[in-house]
C-alpha cells in the first residue's frame, strides 16, 4: 500500500513540477545529455582498451573524426530548427533529445576545443569532466530545484513525505559526490539506490577528480594516487567482481578510506 502511495506521489509531483510547468522538453534534454555523455565516455574507454567487439573510431580518408564534430553538427541543426521553424510537439521533444545528445558529445571533448589540440587522455582532458559536472548541475537545478520534492510533501502523510524527500535528496547529493570523485558507476547506483552510494561517497576519490583538486593536499593527494595506482584505477566495468563484493554480492572485498 505504501509503495502505491509513493508511486502516486511521485507521479503527482512529476505532473505538477514538470508537465504543468511546461518543463518536459527540459527534462528530455537533461536525460539525453547525461545518457549521451555516459555512453560516449564509456565508448572512448572501450576503444582505448581495444575491446574486440566494440566499434572503433570513425575515420574518413585516414582522418579521425572526433565525436565533438558530430555534437557540433547536432547543435547547429537542432538549434536552427528550434529558432527558425518553431516546430510544435512532438517535434519539440525530438529536438530536445538530439540537442541533449549533441551537448553530451560536445562537452565530452570540452578540453579539446578549449586547448585546440587532442588532450582527451591528458591531465588537461580532465577539464571536460569538470565542464560536464558544472553543466549537469546547472541544468538539474534549473529543471527541478526543490519544487518536485516540496510538492510531494504537500500531498502525502507527514511520515511518507519526509522519507521520500530525504531519500531523493540523499540520492542526488551522493550521486554528485561520487561523480566528483570519478566514481561514475556508483554515481548512477546512488540515483537508483541512494543508500548503496553512501559508503563510496565517503571513501577516497581518484587523484585527478574534481574532488581531489578541491580538497586533497600533499599527503592526501599522494594517498589517493597510491590507492588508485593499480586495480582500482581501472574503469568500473572492468572491476565487476570488486564492485559486486562491495555490495555484498560476491567477489573480493577491500577496505576503503575517506
C-alpha atoms as a PDB file:
ATOM      1  CA  UNK A   1       0.000   0.000   0.000  1.00  0.00           C
ATOM      2  CA  UNK A   2       2.781   2.394   0.924  1.00  0.00           C
ATOM      3  CA  UNK A   3       4.523   1.660  -2.406  1.00  0.00           C
ATOM      4  CA  UNK A   4       1.359   2.632  -4.282  1.00  0.00           C
ATOM      5  CA  UNK A   5       1.184   5.858  -2.282  1.00  0.00           C
ATOM      6  CA  UNK A   6       4.835   6.558  -3.105  1.00  0.00           C
ATOM      7  CA  UNK A   7       4.335   5.934  -6.828  1.00  0.00           C
ATOM      8  CA  UNK A   8       1.237   8.094  -6.813  1.00  0.00           C
ATOM      9  CA  UNK A   9       3.096  10.873  -5.017  1.00  0.00           C
ATOM     10  CA  UNK A  10       5.987  10.821  -7.476  1.00  0.00           C
ATOM     11  CA  UNK A  11       3.543  10.792 -10.392  1.00  0.00           C
ATOM     12  CA  UNK A  12       1.694  13.751  -8.904  1.00  0.00           C
ATOM     13  CA  UNK A  13       4.962  15.613  -8.311  1.00  0.00           C
ATOM     14  CA  UNK A  14       6.014  14.948 -11.927  1.00  0.00           C
ATOM     15  CA  UNK A  15       2.665  16.196 -13.206  1.00  0.00           C
ATOM     16  CA  UNK A  16       2.784  19.394 -11.167  1.00  0.00           C
ATOM     17  CA  UNK A  17       6.526  20.049 -11.277  1.00  0.00           C
ATOM     18  CA  UNK A  18       7.293  19.062 -14.882  1.00  0.00           C
ATOM     19  CA  UNK A  19       4.176  18.723 -17.042  1.00  0.00           C
ATOM     20  CA  UNK A  20       2.084  21.582 -15.636  1.00  0.00           C
ATOM     21  CA  UNK A  21       5.067  23.949 -15.720  1.00  0.00           C
ATOM     22  CA  UNK A  22       5.954  23.072 -19.323  1.00  0.00           C
ATOM     23  CA  UNK A  23       9.315  21.532 -18.426  1.00  0.00           C
ATOM     24  CA  UNK A  24       9.001  18.233 -20.267  1.00  0.00           C
ATOM     25  CA  UNK A  25      11.377  19.325 -23.032  1.00  0.00           C
ATOM     26  CA  UNK A  26      13.883  20.443 -20.391  1.00  0.00           C
ATOM     27  CA  UNK A  27      13.692  17.040 -18.718  1.00  0.00           C
ATOM     28  CA  UNK A  28      14.107  15.250 -22.058  1.00  0.00           C
ATOM     29  CA  UNK A  29      17.160  17.409 -22.857  1.00  0.00           C
ATOM     30  CA  UNK A  30      18.665  16.772 -19.415  1.00  0.00           C
ATOM     31  CA  UNK A  31      18.262  12.981 -19.595  1.00  0.00           C
ATOM     32  CA  UNK A  32      19.525  12.852 -23.208  1.00  0.00           C
ATOM     33  CA  UNK A  33      22.565  14.925 -22.251  1.00  0.00           C
ATOM     34  CA  UNK A  34      23.529  12.655 -19.343  1.00  0.00           C
ATOM     35  CA  UNK A  35      22.925   9.433 -21.296  1.00  0.00           C
ATOM     36  CA  UNK A  36      24.897  10.764 -24.275  1.00  0.00           C
ATOM     37  CA  UNK A  37      27.876  11.751 -22.117  1.00  0.00           C
ATOM     38  CA  UNK A  38      27.835   8.453 -20.229  1.00  0.00           C
ATOM     39  CA  UNK A  39      27.694   6.445 -23.448  1.00  0.00           C
ATOM     40  CA  UNK A  40      30.418   8.318 -25.338  1.00  0.00           C
ATOM     41  CA  UNK A  41      32.768   8.397 -22.320  1.00  0.00           C
ATOM     42  CA  UNK A  42      32.300   4.641 -21.885  1.00  0.00           C
ATOM     43  CA  UNK A  43      32.819   4.151 -25.627  1.00  0.00           C
ATOM     44  CA  UNK A  44      36.090   6.095 -25.526  1.00  0.00           C
ATOM     45  CA  UNK A  45      37.385   3.907 -22.698  1.00  0.00           C
ATOM     46  CA  UNK A  46      36.320   0.740 -24.521  1.00  0.00           C
ATOM     47  CA  UNK A  47      38.114   1.870 -27.693  1.00  0.00           C
ATOM     48  CA  UNK A  48      41.264   2.752 -25.743  1.00  0.00           C
ATOM     49  CA  UNK A  49      41.159  -0.649 -24.040  1.00  0.00           C
ATOM     50  CA  UNK A  50      40.908  -2.210 -27.537  1.00  0.00           C
ATOM     51  CA  UNK A  51      37.831  -4.263 -26.687  1.00  0.00           C
ATOM     52  CA  UNK A  52      37.473  -6.520 -29.726  1.00  0.00           C
ATOM     53  CA  UNK A  53      33.683  -6.441 -30.055  1.00  0.00           C
ATOM     54  CA  UNK A  54      33.348  -2.654 -29.612  1.00  0.00           C
ATOM     55  CA  UNK A  55      33.315  -0.423 -32.749  1.00  0.00           C
ATOM     56  CA  UNK A  56      36.451   1.683 -33.191  1.00  0.00           C
ATOM     57  CA  UNK A  57      36.968   5.351 -34.034  1.00  0.00           C
ATOM     58  CA  UNK A  58      35.256   6.914 -37.036  1.00  0.00           C
ATOM     59  CA  UNK A  59      37.803   7.789 -39.735  1.00  0.00           C
ATOM     60  CA  UNK A  60      37.376   9.436 -43.130  1.00  0.00           C
ATOM     61  CA  UNK A  61      40.344   9.327 -45.502  1.00  0.00           C
ATOM     62  CA  UNK A  62      42.657   8.429 -42.623  1.00  0.00           C
ATOM     63  CA  UNK A  63      41.460  11.374 -40.513  1.00  0.00           C
ATOM     64  CA  UNK A  64      39.984  10.627 -37.100  1.00  0.00           C
ATOM     65  CA  UNK A  65      36.605  12.354 -36.783  1.00  0.00           C
ATOM     66  CA  UNK A  66      36.178  13.278 -33.124  1.00  0.00           C
ATOM     67  CA  UNK A  67      32.701  12.905 -31.647  1.00  0.00           C
ATOM     68  CA  UNK A  68      32.944  16.623 -30.934  1.00  0.00           C
ATOM     69  CA  UNK A  69      32.274  17.162 -34.658  1.00  0.00           C
ATOM     70  CA  UNK A  70      29.017  15.169 -34.570  1.00  0.00           C
ATOM     71  CA  UNK A  71      27.984  17.033 -31.448  1.00  0.00           C
ATOM     72  CA  UNK A  72      28.518  20.435 -33.061  1.00  0.00           C
ATOM     73  CA  UNK A  73      26.557  19.378 -36.139  1.00  0.00           C
ATOM     74  CA  UNK A  74      23.641  18.231 -33.981  1.00  0.00           C
ATOM     75  CA  UNK A  75      23.689  21.505 -32.026  1.00  0.00           C
ATOM     76  CA  UNK A  76      23.748  23.583 -35.227  1.00  0.00           C
ATOM     77  CA  UNK A  77      20.967  21.679 -36.962  1.00  0.00           C
ATOM     78  CA  UNK A  78      18.638  21.415 -33.989  1.00  0.00           C
ATOM     79  CA  UNK A  79      19.362  24.965 -32.863  1.00  0.00           C
ATOM     80  CA  UNK A  80      18.433  26.290 -36.295  1.00  0.00           C
ATOM     81  CA  UNK A  81      15.235  24.225 -36.426  1.00  0.00           C
ATOM     82  CA  UNK A  82      14.192  25.372 -32.959  1.00  0.00           C
ATOM     83  CA  UNK A  83      14.871  29.058 -33.668  1.00  0.00           C
ATOM     84  CA  UNK A  84      13.802  29.385 -37.315  1.00  0.00           C
ATOM     85  CA  UNK A  85      10.971  26.867 -37.644  1.00  0.00           C
ATOM     86  CA  UNK A  86       9.479  26.677 -34.138  1.00  0.00           C
ATOM     87  CA  UNK A  87       8.014  23.178 -34.528  1.00  0.00           C
ATOM     88  CA  UNK A  88       5.311  22.067 -32.150  1.00  0.00           C
ATOM     89  CA  UNK A  89       5.041  18.761 -30.338  1.00  0.00           C
ATOM     90  CA  UNK A  90       6.133  16.053 -30.796  1.00  0.00           C
ATOM     91  CA  UNK A  91       8.937  17.651 -32.841  1.00  0.00           C
ATOM     92  CA  UNK A  92       9.915  19.937 -29.998  1.00  0.00           C
ATOM     93  CA  UNK A  93      10.607  16.926 -27.772  1.00  0.00           C
ATOM     94  CA  UNK A  94      12.515  15.190 -30.586  1.00  0.00           C
ATOM     95  CA  UNK A  95      14.678  18.293 -30.994  1.00  0.00           C
ATOM     96  CA  UNK A  96      15.292  18.268 -27.232  1.00  0.00           C
ATOM     97  CA  UNK A  97      16.557  14.672 -27.497  1.00  0.00           C
ATOM     98  CA  UNK A  98      19.043  15.418 -30.275  1.00  0.00           C
ATOM     99  CA  UNK A  99      20.089  18.732 -28.716  1.00  0.00           C
ATOM    100  CA  UNK A 100      20.864  16.869 -25.473  1.00  0.00           C
ATOM    101  CA  UNK A 101      22.847  14.247 -27.388  1.00  0.00           C
ATOM    102  CA  UNK A 102      24.791  16.963 -29.197  1.00  0.00           C
ATOM    103  CA  UNK A 103      25.536  18.697 -25.896  1.00  0.00           C
ATOM    104  CA  UNK A 104      26.872  15.481 -24.366  1.00  0.00           C
ATOM    105  CA  UNK A 105      29.087  14.724 -27.357  1.00  0.00           C
ATOM    106  CA  UNK A 106      30.429  18.283 -27.468  1.00  0.00           C
ATOM    107  CA  UNK A 107      31.121  18.792 -23.757  1.00  0.00           C
ATOM    108  CA  UNK A 108      32.830  15.402 -23.502  1.00  0.00           C
ATOM    109  CA  UNK A 109      35.607  16.961 -25.594  1.00  0.00           C
ATOM    110  CA  UNK A 110      35.420  20.406 -23.981  1.00  0.00           C
ATOM    111  CA  UNK A 111      39.159  20.263 -23.254  1.00  0.00           C
ATOM    112  CA  UNK A 112      39.873  19.658 -26.941  1.00  0.00           C
ATOM    113  CA  UNK A 113      38.102  22.771 -28.197  1.00  0.00           C
ATOM    114  CA  UNK A 114      39.436  24.756 -25.263  1.00  0.00           C
ATOM    115  CA  UNK A 115      43.083  23.849 -25.997  1.00  0.00           C
ATOM    116  CA  UNK A 116      42.698  23.373 -29.793  1.00  0.00           C
ATOM    117  CA  UNK A 117      44.520  20.026 -29.597  1.00  0.00           C
ATOM    118  CA  UNK A 118      43.751  16.432 -28.679  1.00  0.00           C
ATOM    119  CA  UNK A 119      44.231  16.314 -24.896  1.00  0.00           C
ATOM    120  CA  UNK A 120      41.445  13.806 -24.166  1.00  0.00           C
ATOM    121  CA  UNK A 121      43.623  11.422 -22.159  1.00  0.00           C
ATOM    122  CA  UNK A 122      45.980  14.005 -20.671  1.00  0.00           C
ATOM    123  CA  UNK A 123      45.759  16.000 -17.457  1.00  0.00           C
ATOM    124  CA  UNK A 124      44.175  18.867 -19.396  1.00  0.00           C
ATOM    125  CA  UNK A 125      41.490  16.471 -20.605  1.00  0.00           C
ATOM    126  CA  UNK A 126      40.049  16.397 -17.093  1.00  0.00           C
ATOM    127  CA  UNK A 127      38.513  19.769 -17.832  1.00  0.00           C
ATOM    128  CA  UNK A 128      35.924  18.005 -19.985  1.00  0.00           C
ATOM    129  CA  UNK A 129      34.599  16.158 -16.945  1.00  0.00           C
ATOM    130  CA  UNK A 130      34.639  19.401 -14.950  1.00  0.00           C
ATOM    131  CA  UNK A 131      32.584  21.090 -17.671  1.00  0.00           C
ATOM    132  CA  UNK A 132      30.044  18.252 -17.775  1.00  0.00           C
ATOM    133  CA  UNK A 133      29.615  18.261 -13.995  1.00  0.00           C
ATOM    134  CA  UNK A 134      29.038  22.024 -13.986  1.00  0.00           C
ATOM    135  CA  UNK A 135      26.625  21.852 -16.943  1.00  0.00           C
ATOM    136  CA  UNK A 136      24.680  18.928 -15.457  1.00  0.00           C
ATOM    137  CA  UNK A 137      24.467  20.641 -12.085  1.00  0.00           C
ATOM    138  CA  UNK A 138      23.144  23.881 -13.561  1.00  0.00           C
ATOM    139  CA  UNK A 139      20.675  22.074 -15.837  1.00  0.00           C
ATOM    140  CA  UNK A 140      19.433  19.969 -12.920  1.00  0.00           C
ATOM    141  CA  UNK A 141      18.960  22.999 -10.674  1.00  0.00           C
ATOM    142  CA  UNK A 142      17.054  24.875 -13.376  1.00  0.00           C
ATOM    143  CA  UNK A 143      14.920  21.831 -14.175  1.00  0.00           C
ATOM    144  CA  UNK A 144      13.958  20.622 -10.729  1.00  0.00           C
ATOM    145  CA  UNK A 145      15.271  22.779  -7.918  1.00  0.00           C
ATOM    146  CA  UNK A 146      13.398  21.816  -4.758  1.00  0.00           C
ATOM    147  CA  UNK A 147       9.904  22.129  -6.211  1.00  0.00           C
ATOM    148  CA  UNK A 148       9.433  18.458  -7.029  1.00  0.00           C
ATOM    149  CA  UNK A 149      10.125  17.281  -3.504  1.00  0.00           C
ATOM    150  CA  UNK A 150       8.180  20.169  -1.949  1.00  0.00           C
ATOM    151  CA  UNK A 151       5.129  19.148  -3.989  1.00  0.00           C
ATOM    152  CA  UNK A 152       5.481  15.590  -2.709  1.00  0.00           C
ATOM    153  CA  UNK A 153       5.497  16.785   0.895  1.00  0.00           C
ATOM    154  CA  UNK A 154       2.234  18.682   0.404  1.00  0.00           C
ATOM    155  CA  UNK A 155       0.274  15.673  -0.887  1.00  0.00           C
ATOM    156  CA  UNK A 156       1.348  12.744   1.284  1.00  0.00           C
ATOM    157  CA  UNK A 157       1.205  11.963   5.002  1.00  0.00           C
ATOM    158  CA  UNK A 158       3.979  13.632   7.002  1.00  0.00           C
ATOM    159  CA  UNK A 159       5.978  10.441   7.560  1.00  0.00           C
ATOM    160  CA  UNK A 160       5.925   9.432   3.883  1.00  0.00           C
ATOM    161  CA  UNK A 161       6.717  13.000   2.850  1.00  0.00           C
ATOM    162  CA  UNK A 162       9.853  13.112   4.991  1.00  0.00           C
ATOM    163  CA  UNK A 163      11.069   9.704   3.794  1.00  0.00           C
ATOM    164  CA  UNK A 164      10.561  10.457   0.102  1.00  0.00           C
ATOM    165  CA  UNK A 165      12.183  13.882   0.336  1.00  0.00           C
ATOM    166  CA  UNK A 166      15.154  12.598   2.343  1.00  0.00           C
ATOM    167  CA  UNK A 167      15.802   9.648   0.029  1.00  0.00           C
ATOM    168  CA  UNK A 168      15.612  11.821  -3.062  1.00  0.00           C
ATOM    169  CA  UNK A 169      17.931  14.448  -1.604  1.00  0.00           C
ATOM    170  CA  UNK A 170      20.410  11.829  -0.360  1.00  0.00           C
ATOM    171  CA  UNK A 171      20.466  10.178  -3.773  1.00  0.00           C
ATOM    172  CA  UNK A 172      21.205  13.451  -5.572  1.00  0.00           C
ATOM    173  CA  UNK A 173      23.859  14.554  -3.066  1.00  0.00           C
ATOM    174  CA  UNK A 174      25.772  11.285  -3.035  1.00  0.00           C
ATOM    175  CA  UNK A 175      25.442  10.891  -6.800  1.00  0.00           C
ATOM    176  CA  UNK A 176      27.142  14.277  -7.218  1.00  0.00           C
ATOM    177  CA  UNK A 177      29.802  13.428  -4.622  1.00  0.00           C
ATOM    178  CA  UNK A 178      30.587  10.100  -6.307  1.00  0.00           C
ATOM    179  CA  UNK A 179      30.678  11.751  -9.739  1.00  0.00           C
ATOM    180  CA  UNK A 180      33.054  14.450  -8.474  1.00  0.00           C
ATOM    181  CA  UNK A 181      35.341  11.645  -7.213  1.00  0.00           C
ATOM    182  CA  UNK A 182      35.151   9.988 -10.693  1.00  0.00           C
ATOM    183  CA  UNK A 183      33.183   7.028  -9.340  1.00  0.00           C
ATOM    184  CA  UNK A 184      30.657   7.139 -12.156  1.00  0.00           C
ATOM    185  CA  UNK A 185      29.310   3.624 -11.636  1.00  0.00           C
ATOM    186  CA  UNK A 186      28.437   4.336  -8.003  1.00  0.00           C
ATOM    187  CA  UNK A 187      27.053   7.717  -9.019  1.00  0.00           C
ATOM    188  CA  UNK A 188      24.443   6.010 -11.187  1.00  0.00           C
ATOM    189  CA  UNK A 189      23.691   3.498  -8.433  1.00  0.00           C
ATOM    190  CA  UNK A 190      23.235   6.352  -5.937  1.00  0.00           C
ATOM    191  CA  UNK A 191      20.384   7.772  -8.004  1.00  0.00           C
ATOM    192  CA  UNK A 192      18.538   4.434  -8.112  1.00  0.00           C
ATOM    193  CA  UNK A 193      19.502   3.219  -4.630  1.00  0.00           C
ATOM    194  CA  UNK A 194      20.786   6.204  -2.587  1.00  0.00           C
ATOM    195  CA  UNK A 195      21.883   4.166   0.437  1.00  0.00           C
ATOM    196  CA  UNK A 196      24.155   1.982  -1.704  1.00  0.00           C
ATOM    197  CA  UNK A 197      26.148   5.037  -2.790  1.00  0.00           C
ATOM    198  CA  UNK A 198      26.894   6.310   0.724  1.00  0.00           C
ATOM    199  CA  UNK A 199      29.997   4.163   1.524  1.00  0.00           C
ATOM    200  CA  UNK A 200      31.617   5.020  -1.822  1.00  0.00           C
ATOM    201  CA  UNK A 201      30.952   8.732  -1.324  1.00  0.00           C
ATOM    202  CA  UNK A 202      32.895   8.726   1.966  1.00  0.00           C
ATOM    203  CA  UNK A 203      35.861   6.849   0.551  1.00  0.00           C
ATOM    204  CA  UNK A 204      38.930   8.279  -1.099  1.00  0.00           C
ATOM    205  CA  UNK A 205      38.384   9.843  -4.535  1.00  0.00           C
ATOM    206  CA  UNK A 206      40.555   9.347  -7.596  1.00  0.00           C
ATOM    207  CA  UNK A 207      43.671  11.550  -7.730  1.00  0.00           C
ATOM    208  CA  UNK A 208      42.647  13.545 -10.841  1.00  0.00           C
ATOM    209  CA  UNK A 209      38.999  14.018  -9.896  1.00  0.00           C
ATOM    210  CA  UNK A 210      37.303  17.347  -9.221  1.00  0.00           C
ATOM    211  CA  UNK A 211      37.020  16.379  -5.542  1.00  0.00           C
ATOM    212  CA  UNK A 212      40.760  15.761  -5.286  1.00  0.00           C
ATOM    213  CA  UNK A 213      41.576  19.091  -6.923  1.00  0.00           C
ATOM    214  CA  UNK A 214      39.366  20.934  -4.468  1.00  0.00           C
ATOM    215  CA  UNK A 215      40.071  19.134  -1.194  1.00  0.00           C
ATOM    216  CA  UNK A 216      43.193  16.953  -1.378  1.00  0.00           C
ATOM    217  CA  UNK A 217      46.551  18.444  -0.464  1.00  0.00           C
ATOM    218  CA  UNK A 218      50.012  16.901  -0.282  1.00  0.00           C
ATOM    219  CA  UNK A 219      49.735  13.658   1.786  1.00  0.00           C
ATOM    220  CA  UNK A 220      46.072  13.182   0.939  1.00  0.00           C
ATOM    221  CA  UNK A 221      46.809  13.511  -2.772  1.00  0.00           C
ATOM    222  CA  UNK A 222      49.682  11.016  -2.545  1.00  0.00           C
ATOM    223  CA  UNK A 223      47.428   8.606  -0.658  1.00  0.00           C
ATOM    224  CA  UNK A 224      44.862   8.848  -3.448  1.00  0.00           C
ATOM    225  CA  UNK A 225      47.491   8.282  -6.140  1.00  0.00           C
ATOM    226  CA  UNK A 226      48.762   5.215  -4.302  1.00  0.00           C
ATOM    227  CA  UNK A 227      45.285   3.814  -3.791  1.00  0.00           C
ATOM    228  CA  UNK A 228      44.296   4.108  -7.452  1.00  0.00           C
ATOM    229  CA  UNK A 229      47.650   3.240  -8.996  1.00  0.00           C
ATOM    230  CA  UNK A 230      46.711  -0.371  -9.632  1.00  0.00           C
ATOM    231  CA  UNK A 231      43.464  -2.290  -9.955  1.00  0.00           C
ATOM    232  CA  UNK A 232      41.280   0.460  -8.532  1.00  0.00           C
ATOM    233  CA  UNK A 233      42.419   2.864 -11.219  1.00  0.00           C
ATOM    234  CA  UNK A 234      40.816   0.758 -13.951  1.00  0.00           C
ATOM    235  CA  UNK A 235      37.383   1.688 -15.447  1.00  0.00           C
ATOM    236  CA  UNK A 236      34.470   0.443 -13.351  1.00  0.00           C
ATOM    237  CA  UNK A 237      33.170  -2.012 -15.957  1.00  0.00           C
ATOM    238  CA  UNK A 238      36.459  -3.951 -15.706  1.00  0.00           C
ATOM    239  CA  UNK A 239      36.124  -4.300 -11.941  1.00  0.00           C
ATOM    240  CA  UNK A 240      32.749  -6.022 -11.776  1.00  0.00           C
ATOM    241  CA  UNK A 241      33.870  -8.549  -9.192  1.00  0.00           C
ATOM    242  CA  UNK A 242      35.179  -5.884  -6.865  1.00  0.00           C
ATOM    243  CA  UNK A 243      32.036  -3.772  -7.204  1.00  0.00           C
ATOM    244  CA  UNK A 244      29.804  -6.784  -6.523  1.00  0.00           C
ATOM    245  CA  UNK A 245      31.920  -7.502  -3.478  1.00  0.00           C
ATOM    246  CA  UNK A 246      31.249  -4.031  -2.132  1.00  0.00           C
ATOM    247  CA  UNK A 247      27.515  -4.638  -2.498  1.00  0.00           C
ATOM    248  CA  UNK A 248      27.806  -7.996  -0.732  1.00  0.00           C
ATOM    249  CA  UNK A 249      27.086  -9.997  -3.893  1.00  0.00           C
ATOM    250  CA  UNK A 250      30.392 -11.813  -4.122  1.00  0.00           C
ATOM    251  CA  UNK A 251      33.884 -11.031  -5.346  1.00  0.00           C
ATOM    252  CA  UNK A 252      36.778  -9.584  -3.347  1.00  0.00           C
ATOM    253  CA  UNK A 253      36.074  -7.050  -0.646  1.00  0.00           C
ATOM    254  CA  UNK A 254      38.680  -4.412   0.073  1.00  0.00           C
ATOM    255  CA  UNK A 255      38.780  -1.871   2.859  1.00  0.00           C
ATOM    256  CA  UNK A 256      38.357   1.786   1.906  1.00  0.00           C
ATOM    257  CA  UNK A 257      39.096   5.161   3.322  1.00  0.00           C
ATOM    258  CA  UNK A 258      37.508   8.542   3.099  1.00  0.00           C
END
